[in-house]
Amino acid sequence: MTLNPQSAEMSSTRLYEAETSPDLIAERYGLAREAVIDFSLNVNPFGPPPAAVEAAQRACGAIHLYPDLNYSQLRRALAARHRVDEGMFFFGAGLDDVIKLILQAWTSAEDD
């Protein structure tokens, strides 16, 4: 089945904004799930690289430990690579966390 890209329903619906899944899209339009490729949420349709899977498996061995919130190893490696002081880097757990941390750094409880 081929969908007309000019279709009113398809052209007005963006997968990310609709907060739906490729499974629901396939069902809604009568497509095989394998025919739907999702690029809306930084999804890699080719799956993870083997090296990433191996790194994740190695990391699972330390899953019981609390993470280094200073990202010390990454901070040292980046500082050495770019020949700058380790304090020059700012890390967060995703963009929302970075935005929150910046706002907290620039504001106080007394700010309106």
N, C-alpha and C. Protein backbone atom coordinates (compact mmCIF):
# COMPACT_ATOMS: atom_id res chain seq x y z
N MET A 1 0.85 -1.18 0.00
CA MET A 1 0.00 0.00 0.00
C MET A 1 0.90 1.23 0.00
N THR A 2 0.59 2.20 -0.85
CA THR A 2 1.35 3.43 -0.92
C THR A 2 0.48 4.58 -0.41
N LEU A 3 1.05 5.39 0.45
CA LEU A 3 0.31 6.53 0.97
C LEU A 3 0.61 7.75 0.13
N ASN A 4 -0.41 8.53 -0.12
CA ASN A 4 -0.25 9.77 -0.86
C ASN A 4 0.30 10.82 0.10
N PRO A 5 1.52 11.34 -0.15
CA PRO A 5 2.08 12.32 0.77
C PRO A 5 1.27 13.61 0.83
N GLN A 6 0.41 13.82 -0.14
CA GLN A 6 -0.42 15.02 -0.16
C GLN A 6 -1.72 14.82 0.62
N SER A 7 -1.93 13.62 1.16
CA SER A 7 -3.12 13.33 1.93
C SER A 7 -3.23 14.32 3.09
N ALA A 8 -4.41 14.86 3.30
CA ALA A 8 -4.62 15.85 4.36
C ALA A 8 -4.26 15.28 5.72
N GLU A 9 -4.66 14.03 5.97
CA GLU A 9 -4.39 13.45 7.28
C GLU A 9 -2.89 13.24 7.50
N MET A 10 -2.20 12.73 6.50
CA MET A 10 -0.78 12.47 6.64
C MET A 10 0.03 13.76 6.69
N SER A 11 -0.33 14.75 5.89
CA SER A 11 0.49 15.96 5.85
C SER A 11 0.30 16.82 7.10
N SER A 12 -0.82 16.65 7.80
CA SER A 12 -1.04 17.46 8.99
C SER A 12 -0.63 16.75 10.27
N THR A 13 -0.24 15.49 10.18
CA THR A 13 0.13 14.73 11.36
C THR A 13 1.61 14.43 11.32
N ARG A 14 2.31 14.91 12.33
CA ARG A 14 3.72 14.58 12.49
C ARG A 14 3.82 13.59 13.63
N LEU A 15 4.54 12.51 13.42
CA LEU A 15 4.60 11.42 14.38
C LEU A 15 4.98 11.91 15.78
N TYR A 16 6.00 12.76 15.90
CA TYR A 16 6.45 13.23 17.21
C TYR A 16 5.35 14.02 17.91
N GLU A 17 4.72 14.94 17.19
CA GLU A 17 3.67 15.76 17.80
C GLU A 17 2.46 14.93 18.19
N ALA A 18 2.18 13.89 17.42
CA ALA A 18 1.02 13.07 17.72
C ALA A 18 1.29 12.10 18.88
N GLU A 19 2.57 11.97 19.26
CA GLU A 19 2.97 11.06 20.32
C GLU A 19 2.40 9.67 20.09
N THR A 20 2.67 9.15 18.94
CA THR A 20 2.22 7.81 18.61
C THR A 20 3.43 6.96 18.29
N SER A 21 3.21 5.76 17.87
CA SER A 21 4.31 4.85 17.60
C SER A 21 4.21 4.31 16.18
N PRO A 22 5.31 3.78 15.67
CA PRO A 22 5.25 3.15 14.34
C PRO A 22 4.24 2.01 14.29
N ASP A 23 4.06 1.30 15.41
CA ASP A 23 3.08 0.22 15.44
C ASP A 23 1.67 0.75 15.19
N LEU A 24 1.34 1.88 15.84
CA LEU A 24 0.01 2.46 15.65
C LEU A 24 -0.16 3.02 14.24
N ILE A 25 0.89 3.63 13.70
CA ILE A 25 0.83 4.14 12.33
C ILE A 25 0.59 3.00 11.35
N ALA A 26 1.33 1.90 11.52
CA ALA A 26 1.17 0.74 10.64
C ALA A 26 -0.26 0.21 10.72
N GLU A 27 -0.78 0.11 11.92
CA GLU A 27 -2.15 -0.40 12.09
C GLU A 27 -3.17 0.55 11.47
N ARG A 28 -3.01 1.85 11.72
CA ARG A 28 -3.96 2.84 11.23
C ARG A 28 -4.05 2.85 9.70
N TYR A 29 -2.90 2.68 9.04
CA TYR A 29 -2.87 2.79 7.58
C TYR A 29 -2.74 1.45 6.87
N GLY A 30 -2.88 0.36 7.62
CA GLY A 30 -2.86 -0.96 7.03
C GLY A 30 -1.51 -1.33 6.44
N LEU A 31 -0.44 -0.91 7.08
CA LEU A 31 0.91 -1.20 6.61
C LEU A 31 1.55 -2.30 7.44
N ALA A 32 2.51 -2.98 6.87
CA ALA A 32 3.31 -3.91 7.66
C ALA A 32 4.20 -3.08 8.57
N ARG A 33 4.40 -3.51 9.80
CA ARG A 33 5.23 -2.76 10.74
C ARG A 33 6.62 -2.50 10.17
N GLU A 34 7.16 -3.46 9.43
CA GLU A 34 8.49 -3.34 8.85
C GLU A 34 8.56 -2.24 7.78
N ALA A 35 7.40 -1.82 7.26
CA ALA A 35 7.36 -0.79 6.22
C ALA A 35 7.39 0.63 6.78
N VAL A 36 7.28 0.76 8.10
CA VAL A 36 7.26 2.08 8.73
C VAL A 36 8.62 2.33 9.37
N ILE A 37 9.28 3.39 8.92
CA ILE A 37 10.57 3.78 9.47
C ILE A 37 10.36 5.06 10.25
N ASP A 38 10.75 5.05 11.52
CA ASP A 38 10.52 6.17 12.42
C ASP A 38 11.80 6.98 12.61
N PHE A 39 11.82 8.20 12.07
CA PHE A 39 12.95 9.10 12.27
C PHE A 39 12.56 10.24 13.21
N SER A 40 11.38 10.20 13.79
CA SER A 40 10.85 11.33 14.53
C SER A 40 11.52 11.58 15.88
N LEU A 41 12.02 10.57 16.52
CA LEU A 41 12.57 10.74 17.86
C LEU A 41 14.03 10.31 17.93
N ASN A 42 14.78 10.62 16.90
CA ASN A 42 16.18 10.20 16.83
C ASN A 42 16.30 8.68 16.90
N VAL A 43 15.36 7.99 16.28
CA VAL A 43 15.37 6.54 16.25
C VAL A 43 16.25 6.10 15.09
N ASN A 44 17.14 5.17 15.36
CA ASN A 44 18.01 4.63 14.32
C ASN A 44 17.34 3.39 13.75
N PRO A 45 16.87 3.45 12.50
CA PRO A 45 16.17 2.29 11.94
C PRO A 45 17.07 1.09 11.72
N PHE A 46 18.38 1.25 11.84
CA PHE A 46 19.32 0.16 11.62
C PHE A 46 19.71 -0.54 12.93
N GLY A 47 19.17 -0.06 14.05
CA GLY A 47 19.50 -0.65 15.33
C GLY A 47 20.83 -0.13 15.86
N PRO A 48 21.19 -0.54 17.05
CA PRO A 48 22.43 -0.03 17.65
C PRO A 48 23.66 -0.68 17.01
N PRO A 49 24.76 0.08 16.95
CA PRO A 49 26.01 -0.52 16.45
C PRO A 49 26.48 -1.61 17.40
N PRO A 50 27.10 -2.65 16.89
CA PRO A 50 27.59 -3.74 17.76
C PRO A 50 28.48 -3.23 18.89
N ALA A 51 29.33 -2.24 18.63
CA ALA A 51 30.21 -1.71 19.69
C ALA A 51 29.39 -1.08 20.81
N ALA A 52 28.26 -0.45 20.48
CA ALA A 52 27.41 0.15 21.50
C ALA A 52 26.75 -0.93 22.35
N VAL A 53 26.34 -2.02 21.73
CA VAL A 53 25.74 -3.13 22.48
C VAL A 53 26.77 -3.73 23.43
N GLU A 54 28.00 -3.91 22.94
CA GLU A 54 29.07 -4.46 23.79
C GLU A 54 29.36 -3.52 24.96
N ALA A 55 29.40 -2.21 24.71
CA ALA A 55 29.66 -1.25 25.78
C ALA A 55 28.53 -1.27 26.81
N ALA A 56 27.30 -1.39 26.35
CA ALA A 56 26.16 -1.45 27.28
C ALA A 56 26.23 -2.72 28.12
N GLN A 57 26.61 -3.83 27.51
CA GLN A 57 26.73 -5.08 28.26
C GLN A 57 27.82 -4.98 29.32
N ARG A 58 28.95 -4.35 28.96
CA ARG A 58 30.02 -4.17 29.95
C ARG A 58 29.54 -3.26 31.09
N ALA A 59 28.80 -2.21 30.75
CA ALA A 59 28.32 -1.27 31.77
C ALA A 59 27.34 -1.93 32.73
N CYS A 60 26.62 -2.94 32.28
CA CYS A 60 25.65 -3.63 33.15
C CYS A 60 26.34 -4.28 34.34
N GLY A 61 27.63 -4.56 34.23
CA GLY A 61 28.37 -5.14 35.33
C GLY A 61 28.51 -4.19 36.51
N ALA A 62 28.31 -2.90 36.28
CA ALA A 62 28.43 -1.90 37.35
C ALA A 62 27.10 -1.19 37.59
N ILE A 63 26.02 -1.80 37.16
CA ILE A 63 24.71 -1.14 37.24
C ILE A 63 24.27 -0.91 38.69
N HIS A 64 24.84 -1.65 39.61
CA HIS A 64 24.48 -1.52 41.03
C HIS A 64 25.19 -0.34 41.70
N LEU A 65 26.12 0.30 41.00
CA LEU A 65 26.87 1.42 41.55
C LEU A 65 26.24 2.75 41.16
N TYR A 66 26.35 3.72 42.03
CA TYR A 66 25.85 5.05 41.73
C TYR A 66 26.78 5.70 40.70
N PRO A 67 26.24 6.36 39.69
CA PRO A 67 27.10 6.92 38.64
C PRO A 67 27.91 8.12 39.14
N ASP A 68 29.00 8.40 38.45
CA ASP A 68 29.84 9.56 38.73
C ASP A 68 29.15 10.79 38.16
N LEU A 69 28.54 11.58 39.03
CA LEU A 69 27.78 12.76 38.58
C LEU A 69 28.68 13.87 38.05
N ASN A 70 29.98 13.76 38.26
CA ASN A 70 30.92 14.75 37.72
C ASN A 70 31.46 14.34 36.36
N TYR A 71 31.10 13.15 35.90
CA TYR A 71 31.57 12.66 34.60
C TYR A 71 33.09 12.78 34.51
N SER A 72 33.78 12.37 35.57
CA SER A 72 35.22 12.58 35.69
C SER A 72 36.03 12.00 34.54
N GLN A 73 35.76 10.76 34.17
CA GLN A 73 36.52 10.12 33.09
C GLN A 73 36.29 10.85 31.77
N LEU A 74 35.04 11.16 31.46
CA LEU A 74 34.72 11.89 30.23
C LEU A 74 35.34 13.29 30.27
N ARG A 75 35.23 13.95 31.40
CA ARG A 75 35.78 15.30 31.57
C ARG A 75 37.29 15.31 31.32
N ARG A 76 38.00 14.32 31.91
CA ARG A 76 39.46 14.24 31.71
C ARG A 76 39.81 13.98 30.25
N ALA A 77 39.09 13.05 29.63
CA ALA A 77 39.38 12.70 28.23
C ALA A 77 39.13 13.89 27.30
N LEU A 78 38.02 14.60 27.50
CA LEU A 78 37.73 15.77 26.65
C LEU A 78 38.72 16.90 26.89
N ALA A 79 39.10 17.11 28.14
CA ALA A 79 40.06 18.17 28.46
C ALA A 79 41.41 17.87 27.81
N ALA A 80 41.83 16.62 27.86
CA ALA A 80 43.10 16.25 27.24
C ALA A 80 43.03 16.38 25.72
N ARG A 81 41.93 15.93 25.15
CA ARG A 81 41.79 15.99 23.68
C ARG A 81 41.78 17.42 23.17
N HIS A 82 41.09 18.30 23.90
CA HIS A 82 40.94 19.69 23.43
C HIS A 82 41.91 20.65 24.09
N ARG A 83 42.77 20.11 24.96
CA ARG A 83 43.81 20.90 25.63
C ARG A 83 43.22 22.11 26.37
N VAL A 84 42.21 21.82 27.17
CA VAL A 84 41.59 22.86 27.99
C VAL A 84 41.46 22.32 29.42
N ASP A 85 41.13 23.21 30.33
CA ASP A 85 40.93 22.82 31.72
C ASP A 85 39.67 21.96 31.85
N GLU A 86 39.71 20.99 32.74
CA GLU A 86 38.57 20.10 32.95
C GLU A 86 37.30 20.86 33.36
N GLY A 87 37.45 22.01 33.99
CA GLY A 87 36.31 22.79 34.44
C GLY A 87 35.58 23.51 33.32
N MET A 88 36.07 23.41 32.12
CA MET A 88 35.45 24.10 30.98
C MET A 88 34.22 23.37 30.44
N PHE A 89 33.93 22.19 30.95
CA PHE A 89 32.83 21.39 30.41
C PHE A 89 31.61 21.41 31.34
N PHE A 90 30.46 21.38 30.73
CA PHE A 90 29.18 21.41 31.44
C PHE A 90 28.37 20.22 30.95
N PHE A 91 27.97 19.33 31.84
CA PHE A 91 27.24 18.14 31.46
C PHE A 91 25.89 18.09 32.15
N GLY A 92 24.94 17.46 31.50
CA GLY A 92 23.63 17.23 32.08
C GLY A 92 23.05 15.94 31.55
N ALA A 93 22.02 15.47 32.19
CA ALA A 93 21.34 14.24 31.77
C ALA A 93 20.22 14.60 30.80
N GLY A 94 20.59 14.98 29.59
CA GLY A 94 19.62 15.37 28.58
C GLY A 94 19.41 16.87 28.56
N LEU A 95 18.77 17.33 27.50
CA LEU A 95 18.58 18.77 27.31
C LEU A 95 17.73 19.38 28.41
N ASP A 96 16.71 18.70 28.86
CA ASP A 96 15.87 19.25 29.94
C ASP A 96 16.70 19.53 31.19
N ASP A 97 17.59 18.61 31.52
CA ASP A 97 18.44 18.80 32.69
C ASP A 97 19.39 19.97 32.49
N VAL A 98 19.96 20.11 31.30
CA VAL A 98 20.87 21.22 31.01
C VAL A 98 20.13 22.55 31.15
N ILE A 99 18.95 22.64 30.58
CA ILE A 99 18.16 23.88 30.68
C ILE A 99 17.85 24.19 32.15
N LYS A 100 17.44 23.18 32.90
CA LYS A 100 17.14 23.37 34.33
C LYS A 100 18.37 23.86 35.08
N LEU A 101 19.52 23.26 34.82
CA LEU A 101 20.74 23.66 35.51
C LEU A 101 21.16 25.08 35.15
N ILE A 102 21.00 25.47 33.90
CA ILE A 102 21.33 26.84 33.49
C ILE A 102 20.41 27.83 34.19
N LEU A 103 19.12 27.53 34.22
CA LEU A 103 18.17 28.42 34.89
C LEU A 103 18.48 28.53 36.37
N GLN A 104 18.83 27.43 37.01
CA GLN A 104 19.17 27.46 38.43
C GLN A 104 20.44 28.27 38.67
N ALA A 105 21.37 28.22 37.73
CA ALA A 105 22.63 28.98 37.89
C ALA A 105 22.40 30.47 37.73
N TRP A 106 21.44 30.86 36.92
CA TRP A 106 21.23 32.29 36.62
C TRP A 106 20.11 32.94 37.42
N THR A 107 19.40 32.16 38.22
CA THR A 107 18.28 32.72 38.98
C THR A 107 18.39 32.31 40.45
N SER A 108 17.57 32.94 41.26
CA SER A 108 17.50 32.56 42.67
C SER A 108 16.04 32.51 43.08
N ALA A 109 15.78 32.04 44.28
CA ALA A 109 14.41 31.92 44.76
C ALA A 109 13.71 33.28 44.84
N GLU A 110 14.48 34.36 44.97
CA GLU A 110 13.90 35.69 45.08
C GLU A 110 13.52 36.29 43.73
N ASP A 111 13.97 35.69 42.63
CA ASP A 111 13.64 36.20 41.29
C ASP A 111 12.17 35.96 40.98
N ASP A 112 11.59 36.94 40.31
CA ASP A 112 10.19 36.80 39.92
C ASP A 112 10.06 36.09 38.60
